[in-house]
Amino acid sequence: MAAVFVAAFVSLAGVAVYAAAGVIGIHRAQVAADMASVSAAHEHYVGGDGCAEAAEVIRLNGADLSDCFVEGMDVVVRAEMAGGDAVARAGPVE
C-alpha cells in the first residue's frame, strides 16, 4: 500500500515540475519580447532599423524572432522559445 502512495506522489511531483517548466518558458519568452520591443522602439525612434535590433536582443535572450513590424511609432515583436511564445509592443508615450 505504501508503494502506491509513493508512486502517486512521484507522479504528481512530475506533473508539477512539467507545469512549472512550461510557465517558466512562457515568462522567459515574455521577457525577451518585452526587452526587444523597447530596444527596437528606441532604435526606430532614432532612425535605425528597429526589427534588426529586436532580432539581436531576442537572439541574445535565447529566443527566436517570429514576427516584427512597425505600426506608426510603435514596434511589435513576437518571441518564440521552446516553452512558449509572447508578443510585446513598445513606442513613445506621445
PDB file of N, CA and C in Angstrom:
ATOM      1  N   MET A   1       0.820  -1.194   0.000  1.00  0.00           N
ATOM      2  CA  MET A   1       0.000   0.000   0.000  1.00  0.00           C
ATOM      3  C   MET A   1       0.868   1.265   0.000  1.00  0.00           C
ATOM      4  N   ALA A   2       1.959   1.229   0.723  1.00  0.00           N
ATOM      5  CA  ALA A   2       2.863   2.387   0.763  1.00  0.00           C
ATOM      6  C   ALA A   2       3.461   2.644  -0.614  1.00  0.00           C
ATOM      7  N   ALA A   3       3.701   1.592  -1.364  1.00  0.00           N
ATOM      8  CA  ALA A   3       4.260   1.755  -2.712  1.00  0.00           C
ATOM      9  C   ALA A   3       3.303   2.518  -3.615  1.00  0.00           C
ATOM     10  N   VAL A   4       2.020   2.308  -3.438  1.00  0.00           N
ATOM     11  CA  VAL A   4       1.021   3.028  -4.238  1.00  0.00           C
ATOM     12  C   VAL A   4       1.066   4.513  -3.916  1.00  0.00           C
ATOM     13  N   PHE A   5       1.176   4.864  -2.643  1.00  0.00           N
ATOM     14  CA  PHE A   5       1.248   6.266  -2.248  1.00  0.00           C
ATOM     15  C   PHE A   5       2.526   6.917  -2.767  1.00  0.00           C
ATOM     16  N   VAL A   6       3.626   6.208  -2.694  1.00  0.00           N
ATOM     17  CA  VAL A   6       4.895   6.741  -3.200  1.00  0.00           C
ATOM     18  C   VAL A   6       4.797   6.959  -4.707  1.00  0.00           C
ATOM     19  N   ALA A   7       4.234   6.003  -5.425  1.00  0.00           N
ATOM     20  CA  ALA A   7       4.082   6.135  -6.874  1.00  0.00           C
ATOM     21  C   ALA A   7       3.177   7.311  -7.223  1.00  0.00           C
ATOM     22  N   ALA A   8       2.106   7.474  -6.481  1.00  0.00           N
ATOM     23  CA  ALA A   8       1.198   8.596  -6.724  1.00  0.00           C
ATOM     24  C   ALA A   8       1.890   9.926  -6.455  1.00  0.00           C
ATOM     25  N   PHE A   9       2.656   9.993  -5.377  1.00  0.00           N
ATOM     26  CA  PHE A   9       3.376  11.215  -5.034  1.00  0.00           C
ATOM     27  C   PHE A   9       4.409  11.560  -6.106  1.00  0.00           C
ATOM     28  N   VAL A  10       5.146  10.576  -6.563  1.00  0.00           N
ATOM     29  CA  VAL A  10       6.159  10.807  -7.592  1.00  0.00           C
ATOM     30  C   VAL A  10       5.494  11.268  -8.893  1.00  0.00           C
ATOM     31  N   SER A  11       4.368  10.682  -9.228  1.00  0.00           N
ATOM     32  CA  SER A  11       3.646  11.087 -10.436  1.00  0.00           C
ATOM     33  C   SER A  11       3.166  12.529 -10.333  1.00  0.00           C
ATOM     34  N   LEU A  12       2.593  12.890  -9.203  1.00  0.00           N
ATOM     35  CA  LEU A  12       2.131  14.267  -9.018  1.00  0.00           C
ATOM     36  C   LEU A  12       3.291  15.253  -9.022  1.00  0.00           C
ATOM     37  N   ALA A  13       4.404  14.876  -8.436  1.00  0.00           N
ATOM     38  CA  ALA A  13       5.579  15.747  -8.453  1.00  0.00           C
ATOM     39  C   ALA A  13       6.071  15.955  -9.885  1.00  0.00           C
ATOM     40  N   GLY A  14       6.050  14.900 -10.676  1.00  0.00           N
ATOM     41  CA  GLY A  14       6.454  15.021 -12.078  1.00  0.00           C
ATOM     42  C   GLY A  14       5.560  15.955 -12.862  1.00  0.00           C
ATOM     43  N   VAL A  15       4.261  15.862 -12.632  1.00  0.00           N
ATOM     44  CA  VAL A  15       3.309  16.753 -13.303  1.00  0.00           C
ATOM     45  C   VAL A  15       3.558  18.198 -12.877  1.00  0.00           C
ATOM     46  N   ALA A  16       3.819  18.431 -11.610  1.00  0.00           N
ATOM     47  CA  ALA A  16       4.077  19.785 -11.114  1.00  0.00           C
ATOM     48  C   ALA A  16       5.346  20.369 -11.736  1.00  0.00           C
ATOM     49  N   VAL A  17       6.387  19.577 -11.842  1.00  0.00           N
ATOM     50  CA  VAL A  17       7.641  20.044 -12.448  1.00  0.00           C
ATOM     51  C   VAL A  17       7.423  20.371 -13.921  1.00  0.00           C
ATOM     52  N   TYR A  18       6.691  19.526 -14.624  1.00  0.00           N
ATOM     53  CA  TYR A  18       6.406  19.757 -16.044  1.00  0.00           C
ATOM     54  C   TYR A  18       5.614  21.054 -16.230  1.00  0.00           C
ATOM     55  N   ALA A  19       4.624  21.280 -15.395  1.00  0.00           N
ATOM     56  CA  ALA A  19       3.817  22.502 -15.485  1.00  0.00           C
ATOM     57  C   ALA A  19       4.655  23.734 -15.166  1.00  0.00           C
ATOM     58  N   ALA A  20       5.512  23.639 -14.169  1.00  0.00           N
ATOM     59  CA  ALA A  20       6.365  24.767 -13.800  1.00  0.00           C
ATOM     60  C   ALA A  20       7.331  25.111 -14.929  1.00  0.00           C
ATOM     61  N   ALA A  21       7.855  24.106 -15.610  1.00  0.00           N
ATOM     62  CA  ALA A  21       8.766  24.352 -16.725  1.00  0.00           C
ATOM     63  C   ALA A  21       8.051  25.104 -17.845  1.00  0.00           C
ATOM     64  N   GLY A  22       6.805  24.775 -18.097  1.00  0.00           N
ATOM     65  CA  GLY A  22       6.038  25.480 -19.114  1.00  0.00           C
ATOM     66  C   GLY A  22       5.809  26.931 -18.753  1.00  0.00           C
ATOM     67  N   VAL A  23       5.491  27.188 -17.507  1.00  0.00           N
ATOM     68  CA  VAL A  23       5.270  28.560 -17.043  1.00  0.00           C
ATOM     69  C   VAL A  23       6.558  29.365 -17.142  1.00  0.00           C
ATOM     70  N   ILE A  24       7.661  28.770 -16.770  1.00  0.00           N
ATOM     71  CA  ILE A  24       8.954  29.455 -16.849  1.00  0.00           C
ATOM     72  C   ILE A  24       9.283  29.783 -18.301  1.00  0.00           C
ATOM     73  N   GLY A  25       9.015  28.849 -19.211  1.00  0.00           N
ATOM     74  CA  GLY A  25       9.278  29.095 -20.626  1.00  0.00           C
ATOM     75  C   GLY A  25       8.472  30.254 -21.169  1.00  0.00           C
ATOM     76  N   ILE A  26       7.219  30.334 -20.792  1.00  0.00           N
ATOM     77  CA  ILE A  26       6.362  31.436 -21.238  1.00  0.00           C
ATOM     78  C   ILE A  26       6.871  32.762 -20.684  1.00  0.00           C
ATOM     79  N   HIS A  27       7.282  32.787 -19.429  1.00  0.00           N
ATOM     80  CA  HIS A  27       7.787  34.016 -18.830  1.00  0.00           C
ATOM     81  C   HIS A  27       9.102  34.452 -19.472  1.00  0.00           C
ATOM     82  N   ARG A  28       9.967  33.502 -19.786  1.00  0.00           N
ATOM     83  CA  ARG A  28      11.231  33.838 -20.456  1.00  0.00           C
ATOM     84  C   ARG A  28      10.962  34.426 -21.835  1.00  0.00           C
ATOM     85  N   ALA A  29      10.002  33.865 -22.549  1.00  0.00           N
ATOM     86  CA  ALA A  29       9.646  34.401 -23.871  1.00  0.00           C
ATOM     87  C   ALA A  29       9.084  35.816 -23.725  1.00  0.00           C
ATOM     88  N   GLN A  30       8.279  36.063 -22.699  1.00  0.00           N
ATOM     89  CA  GLN A  30       7.710  37.400 -22.498  1.00  0.00           C
ATOM     90  C   GLN A  30       8.787  38.409 -22.164  1.00  0.00           C
ATOM     91  N   VAL A  31       9.752  38.023 -21.340  1.00  0.00           N
ATOM     92  CA  VAL A  31      10.850  38.940 -21.013  1.00  0.00           C
ATOM     93  C   VAL A  31      11.645  39.267 -22.273  1.00  0.00           C
ATOM     94  N   ALA A  32      11.934  38.280 -23.095  1.00  0.00           N
ATOM     95  CA  ALA A  32      12.669  38.515 -24.341  1.00  0.00           C
ATOM     96  C   ALA A  32      11.891  39.458 -25.257  1.00  0.00           C
ATOM     97  N   ALA A  33      10.586  39.238 -25.388  1.00  0.00           N
ATOM     98  CA  ALA A  33       9.767  40.100 -26.240  1.00  0.00           C
ATOM     99  C   ALA A  33       9.692  41.522 -25.688  1.00  0.00           C
ATOM    100  N   ASP A  34       9.531  41.662 -24.384  1.00  0.00           N
ATOM    101  CA  ASP A  34       9.458  42.988 -23.768  1.00  0.00           C
ATOM    102  C   ASP A  34      10.757  43.766 -23.984  1.00  0.00           C
ATOM    103  N   MET A  35      11.873  43.120 -23.703  1.00  0.00           N
ATOM    104  CA  MET A  35      13.164  43.789 -23.864  1.00  0.00           C
ATOM    105  C   MET A  35      13.411  44.158 -25.320  1.00  0.00           C
ATOM    106  N   ALA A  36      13.079  43.257 -26.222  1.00  0.00           N
ATOM    107  CA  ALA A  36      13.307  43.508 -27.645  1.00  0.00           C
ATOM    108  C   ALA A  36      12.418  44.631 -28.160  1.00  0.00           C
ATOM    109  N   SER A  37      11.177  44.683 -27.714  1.00  0.00           N
ATOM    110  CA  SER A  37      10.288  45.737 -28.217  1.00  0.00           C
ATOM    111  C   SER A  37      10.729  47.117 -27.749  1.00  0.00           C
ATOM    112  N   VAL A  38      11.168  47.227 -26.508  1.00  0.00           N
ATOM    113  CA  VAL A  38      11.640  48.521 -26.005  1.00  0.00           C
ATOM    114  C   VAL A  38      12.907  48.953 -26.753  1.00  0.00           C
ATOM    115  N   SER A  39      13.819  48.026 -26.917  1.00  0.00           N
ATOM    116  CA  SER A  39      15.054  48.333 -27.640  1.00  0.00           C
ATOM    117  C   SER A  39      14.771  48.683 -29.094  1.00  0.00           C
ATOM    118  N   ALA A  40      13.866  47.948 -29.722  1.00  0.00           N
ATOM    119  CA  ALA A  40      13.513  48.206 -31.121  1.00  0.00           C
ATOM    120  C   ALA A  40      12.806  49.543 -31.272  1.00  0.00           C
ATOM    121  N   ALA A  41      11.934  49.878 -30.327  1.00  0.00           N
ATOM    122  CA  ALA A  41      11.234  51.160 -30.395  1.00  0.00           C
ATOM    123  C   ALA A  41      12.214  52.319 -30.298  1.00  0.00           C
ATOM    124  N   HIS A  42      13.204  52.191 -29.430  1.00  0.00           N
ATOM    125  CA  HIS A  42      14.215  53.245 -29.325  1.00  0.00           C
ATOM    126  C   HIS A  42      15.001  53.352 -30.625  1.00  0.00           C
ATOM    127  N   GLU A  43      15.408  52.214 -31.156  1.00  0.00           N
ATOM    128  CA  GLU A  43      16.179  52.213 -32.402  1.00  0.00           C
ATOM    129  C   GLU A  43      15.356  52.835 -33.542  1.00  0.00           C
ATOM    130  N   HIS A  44      14.100  52.491 -33.618  1.00  0.00           N
ATOM    131  CA  HIS A  44      13.218  53.063 -34.647  1.00  0.00           C
ATOM    132  C   HIS A  44      13.058  54.568 -34.448  1.00  0.00           C
ATOM    133  N   TYR A  45      12.937  54.989 -33.207  1.00  0.00           N
ATOM    134  CA  TYR A  45      12.746  56.407 -32.876  1.00  0.00           C
ATOM    135  C   TYR A  45      13.934  57.251 -33.324  1.00  0.00           C
ATOM    136  N   VAL A  46      15.155  56.701 -33.190  1.00  0.00           N
ATOM    137  CA  VAL A  46      16.359  57.459 -33.577  1.00  0.00           C
ATOM    138  C   VAL A  46      16.704  57.263 -35.052  1.00  0.00           C
ATOM    139  N   GLY A  47      15.852  56.562 -35.794  1.00  0.00           N
ATOM    140  CA  GLY A  47      16.045  56.438 -37.236  1.00  0.00           C
ATOM    141  C   GLY A  47      16.678  55.145 -37.709  1.00  0.00           C
ATOM    142  N   GLY A  48      16.890  54.193 -36.821  1.00  0.00           N
ATOM    143  CA  GLY A  48      17.512  52.927 -37.203  1.00  0.00           C
ATOM    144  C   GLY A  48      16.488  51.863 -37.558  1.00  0.00           C
ATOM    145  N   ASP A  49      16.980  50.663 -37.769  1.00  0.00           N
ATOM    146  CA  ASP A  49      16.132  49.512 -38.104  1.00  0.00           C
ATOM    147  C   ASP A  49      15.709  48.820 -36.813  1.00  0.00           C
ATOM    148  N   GLY A  50      14.495  49.104 -36.376  1.00  0.00           N
ATOM    149  CA  GLY A  50      14.002  48.555 -35.121  1.00  0.00           C
ATOM    150  C   GLY A  50      13.909  47.042 -35.130  1.00  0.00           C
ATOM    151  N   CYS A  51      13.498  46.458 -36.238  1.00  0.00           N
ATOM    152  CA  CYS A  51      13.336  44.999 -36.282  1.00  0.00           C
ATOM    153  C   CYS A  51      14.680  44.273 -36.260  1.00  0.00           C
ATOM    154  N   ALA A  52      15.708  44.875 -36.840  1.00  0.00           N
ATOM    155  CA  ALA A  52      17.048  44.277 -36.751  1.00  0.00           C
ATOM    156  C   ALA A  52      17.531  44.295 -35.304  1.00  0.00           C
ATOM    157  N   GLU A  53      17.256  45.388 -34.618  1.00  0.00           N
ATOM    158  CA  GLU A  53      17.616  45.481 -33.198  1.00  0.00           C
ATOM    159  C   GLU A  53      16.842  44.456 -32.377  1.00  0.00           C
ATOM    160  N   ALA A  54      15.550  44.307 -32.668  1.00  0.00           N
ATOM    161  CA  ALA A  54      14.728  43.322 -31.949  1.00  0.00           C
ATOM    162  C   ALA A  54      15.260  41.915 -32.156  1.00  0.00           C
ATOM    163  N   ALA A  55      15.654  41.595 -33.377  1.00  0.00           N
ATOM    164  CA  ALA A  55      16.176  40.262 -33.669  1.00  0.00           C
ATOM    165  C   ALA A  55      17.429  39.971 -32.848  1.00  0.00           C
ATOM    166  N   GLU A  56      18.297  40.952 -32.716  1.00  0.00           N
ATOM    167  CA  GLU A  56      19.530  40.765 -31.953  1.00  0.00           C
ATOM    168  C   GLU A  56      19.237  40.587 -30.463  1.00  0.00           C
ATOM    169  N   VAL A  57      18.360  41.414 -29.915  1.00  0.00           N
ATOM    170  CA  VAL A  57      18.037  41.325 -28.485  1.00  0.00           C
ATOM    171  C   VAL A  57      17.357  39.991 -28.178  1.00  0.00           C
ATOM    172  N   ILE A  58      16.448  39.576 -29.030  1.00  0.00           N
ATOM    173  CA  ILE A  58      15.766  38.296 -28.809  1.00  0.00           C
ATOM    174  C   ILE A  58      16.754  37.140 -28.905  1.00  0.00           C
ATOM    175  N   ARG A  59      17.671  37.199 -29.875  1.00  0.00           N
ATOM    176  CA  ARG A  59      18.682  36.143 -30.011  1.00  0.00           C
ATOM    177  C   ARG A  59      19.544  36.064 -28.753  1.00  0.00           C
ATOM    178  N   LEU A  60      19.943  37.217 -28.223  1.00  0.00           N
ATOM    179  CA  LEU A  60      20.767  37.238 -27.017  1.00  0.00           C
ATOM    180  C   LEU A  60      20.028  36.690 -25.799  1.00  0.00           C
ATOM    181  N   ASN A  61      18.707  36.681 -25.845  1.00  0.00           N
ATOM    182  CA  ASN A  61      17.898  36.123 -24.754  1.00  0.00           C
ATOM    183  C   ASN A  61      17.522  34.673 -24.992  1.00  0.00           C
ATOM    184  N   GLY A  62      18.078  34.061 -26.024  1.00  0.00           N
ATOM    185  CA  GLY A  62      17.849  32.645 -26.270  1.00  0.00           C
ATOM    186  C   GLY A  62      16.532  32.314 -26.936  1.00  0.00           C
ATOM    187  N   ALA A  63      15.921  33.293 -27.583  1.00  0.00           N
ATOM    188  CA  ALA A  63      14.641  33.064 -28.254  1.00  0.00           C
ATOM    189  C   ALA A  63      14.804  33.306 -29.753  1.00  0.00           C
ATOM    190  N   ASP A  64      13.730  33.097 -30.477  1.00  0.00           N
ATOM    191  CA  ASP A  64      13.694  33.360 -31.915  1.00  0.00           C
ATOM    192  C   ASP A  64      12.663  34.441 -32.195  1.00  0.00           C
ATOM    193  N   LEU A  65      12.985  35.324 -33.131  1.00  0.00           N
ATOM    194  CA  LEU A  65      12.049  36.356 -33.552  1.00  0.00           C
ATOM    195  C   LEU A  65      11.164  35.767 -34.642  1.00  0.00           C
ATOM    196  N   SER A  66       9.872  35.643 -34.373  1.00  0.00           N
ATOM    197  CA  SER A  66       8.972  35.083 -35.371  1.00  0.00           C
ATOM    198  C   SER A  66       8.201  36.153 -36.133  1.00  0.00           C
ATOM    199  N   ASP A  67       8.125  37.373 -35.576  1.00  0.00           N
ATOM    200  CA  ASP A  67       7.430  38.448 -36.278  1.00  0.00           C
ATOM    201  C   ASP A  67       7.883  39.784 -35.708  1.00  0.00           C
ATOM    202  N   CYS A  68       7.978  40.768 -36.563  1.00  0.00           N
ATOM    203  CA  CYS A  68       8.318  42.122 -36.142  1.00  0.00           C
ATOM    204  C   CYS A  68       7.741  43.082 -37.172  1.00  0.00           C
ATOM    205  N   PHE A  69       7.044  44.094 -36.697  1.00  0.00           N
ATOM    206  CA  PHE A  69       6.555  45.124 -37.622  1.00  0.00           C
ATOM    207  C   PHE A  69       6.412  46.441 -36.886  1.00  0.00           C
ATOM    208  N   VAL A  70       6.467  47.500 -37.685  1.00  0.00           N
ATOM    209  CA  VAL A  70       6.329  48.854 -37.169  1.00  0.00           C
ATOM    210  C   VAL A  70       4.919  49.317 -37.476  1.00  0.00           C
ATOM    211  N   GLU A  71       4.281  49.878 -36.470  1.00  0.00           N
ATOM    212  CA  GLU A  71       2.925  50.404 -36.599  1.00  0.00           C
ATOM    213  C   GLU A  71       2.942  51.828 -36.060  1.00  0.00           C
ATOM    214  N   GLY A  72       3.055  52.794 -36.957  1.00  0.00           N
ATOM    215  CA  GLY A  72       3.233  54.172 -36.519  1.00  0.00           C
ATOM    216  C   GLY A  72       4.615  54.323 -35.914  1.00  0.00           C
ATOM    217  N   MET A  73       4.665  54.732 -34.662  1.00  0.00           N
ATOM    218  CA  MET A  73       5.945  54.825 -33.954  1.00  0.00           C
ATOM    219  C   MET A  73       6.172  53.629 -33.031  1.00  0.00           C
ATOM    220  N   ASP A  74       5.223  52.716 -32.972  1.00  0.00           N
ATOM    221  CA  ASP A  74       5.355  51.522 -32.142  1.00  0.00           C
ATOM    222  C   ASP A  74       6.019  50.390 -32.920  1.00  0.00           C
ATOM    223  N   VAL A  75       6.709  49.546 -32.198  1.00  0.00           N
ATOM    224  CA  VAL A  75       7.275  48.327 -32.776  1.00  0.00           C
ATOM    225  C   VAL A  75       6.654  47.145 -32.035  1.00  0.00           C
ATOM    226  N   VAL A  76       6.161  46.176 -32.798  1.00  0.00           N
ATOM    227  CA  VAL A  76       5.540  44.974 -32.232  1.00  0.00           C
ATOM    228  C   VAL A  76       6.413  43.790 -32.588  1.00  0.00           C
ATOM    229  N   VAL A  77       6.771  42.991 -31.584  1.00  0.00           N
ATOM    230  CA  VAL A  77       7.614  41.809 -31.816  1.00  0.00           C
ATOM    231  C   VAL A  77       6.963  40.572 -31.200  1.00  0.00           C
ATOM    232  N   ARG A  78       7.258  39.434 -31.801  1.00  0.00           N
ATOM    233  CA  ARG A  78       6.819  38.147 -31.259  1.00  0.00           C
ATOM    234  C   ARG A  78       8.064  37.291 -31.070  1.00  0.00           C
ATOM    235  N   ALA A  79       8.252  36.826 -29.833  1.00  0.00           N
ATOM    236  CA  ALA A  79       9.383  35.961 -29.492  1.00  0.00           C
ATOM    237  C   ALA A  79       8.880  34.548 -29.281  1.00  0.00           C
ATOM    238  N   GLU A  80       9.636  33.572 -29.785  1.00  0.00           N
ATOM    239  CA  GLU A  80       9.296  32.165 -29.591  1.00  0.00           C
ATOM    240  C   GLU A  80      10.439  31.451 -28.890  1.00  0.00           C
ATOM    241  N   MET A  81      10.063  30.594 -27.948  1.00  0.00           N
ATOM    242  CA  MET A  81      11.017  29.738 -27.245  1.00  0.00           C
ATOM    243  C   MET A  81      10.393  28.358 -27.155  1.00  0.00           C
ATOM    244  N   ALA A  82      11.159  27.412 -26.681  1.00  0.00           N
ATOM    245  CA  ALA A  82      10.654  26.047 -26.549  1.00  0.00           C
ATOM    246  C   ALA A  82       9.428  25.990 -25.643  1.00  0.00           C
ATOM    247  N   GLY A  83       9.381  26.827 -24.617  1.00  0.00           N
ATOM    248  CA  GLY A  83       8.278  26.787 -23.668  1.00  0.00           C
ATOM    249  C   GLY A  83       7.054  27.565 -24.080  1.00  0.00           C
ATOM    250  N   GLY A  84       7.159  28.426 -25.064  1.00  0.00           N
ATOM    251  CA  GLY A  84       6.006  29.213 -25.474  1.00  0.00           C
ATOM    252  C   GLY A  84       6.416  30.408 -26.304  1.00  0.00           C
ATOM    253  N   ASP A  85       5.466  31.262 -26.597  1.00  0.00           N
ATOM    254  CA  ASP A  85       5.752  32.472 -27.342  1.00  0.00           C
ATOM    255  C   ASP A  85       5.039  33.648 -26.691  1.00  0.00           C
ATOM    256  N   ALA A  86       5.502  34.857 -27.049  1.00  0.00           N
ATOM    257  CA  ALA A  86       4.949  36.058 -26.428  1.00  0.00           C
ATOM    258  C   ALA A  86       5.041  37.216 -27.408  1.00  0.00           C
ATOM    259  N   VAL A  87       4.135  38.170 -27.249  1.00  0.00           N
ATOM    260  CA  VAL A  87       4.093  39.369 -28.082  1.00  0.00           C
ATOM    261  C   VAL A  87       4.255  40.583 -27.182  1.00  0.00           C
ATOM    262  N   ALA A  88       5.000  41.579 -27.674  1.00  0.00           N
ATOM    263  CA  ALA A  88       5.157  42.828 -26.926  1.00  0.00           C
ATOM    264  C   ALA A  88       5.146  43.995 -27.903  1.00  0.00           C
ATOM    265  N   ARG A  89       4.657  45.118 -27.423  1.00  0.00           N
ATOM    266  CA  ARG A  89       4.597  46.362 -28.212  1.00  0.00           C
ATOM    267  C   ARG A  89       5.223  47.465 -27.372  1.00  0.00           C
ATOM    268  N   ALA A  90       6.009  48.328 -28.030  1.00  0.00           N
ATOM    269  CA  ALA A  90       6.599  49.467 -27.335  1.00  0.00           C
ATOM    270  C   ALA A  90       6.722  50.630 -28.310  1.00  0.00           C
ATOM    271  N   GLY A  91       6.699  51.813 -27.763  1.00  0.00           N
ATOM    272  CA  GLY A  91       6.844  53.028 -28.551  1.00  0.00           C
ATOM    273  C   GLY A  91       6.837  54.223 -27.631  1.00  0.00           C
ATOM    274  N   PRO A  92       6.973  55.400 -28.225  1.00  0.00           N
ATOM    275  CA  PRO A  92       6.974  56.601 -27.393  1.00  0.00           C
ATOM    276  C   PRO A  92       5.607  56.832 -26.752  1.00  0.00           C
ATOM    277  N   VAL A  93       5.598  57.526 -25.642  1.00  0.00           N
ATOM    278  CA  VAL A  93       4.365  57.779 -24.904  1.00  0.00           C
ATOM    279  C   VAL A  93       3.446  58.687 -25.711  1.00  0.00           C
ATOM    280  N   GLU A  94       3.983  59.687 -26.331  1.00  0.00           N
ATOM    281  CA  GLU A  94       3.156  60.634 -27.095  1.00  0.00           C
ATOM    282  C   GLU A  94       3.324  60.435 -28.565  1.00  0.00           C
TER     283      GLU A  94
END
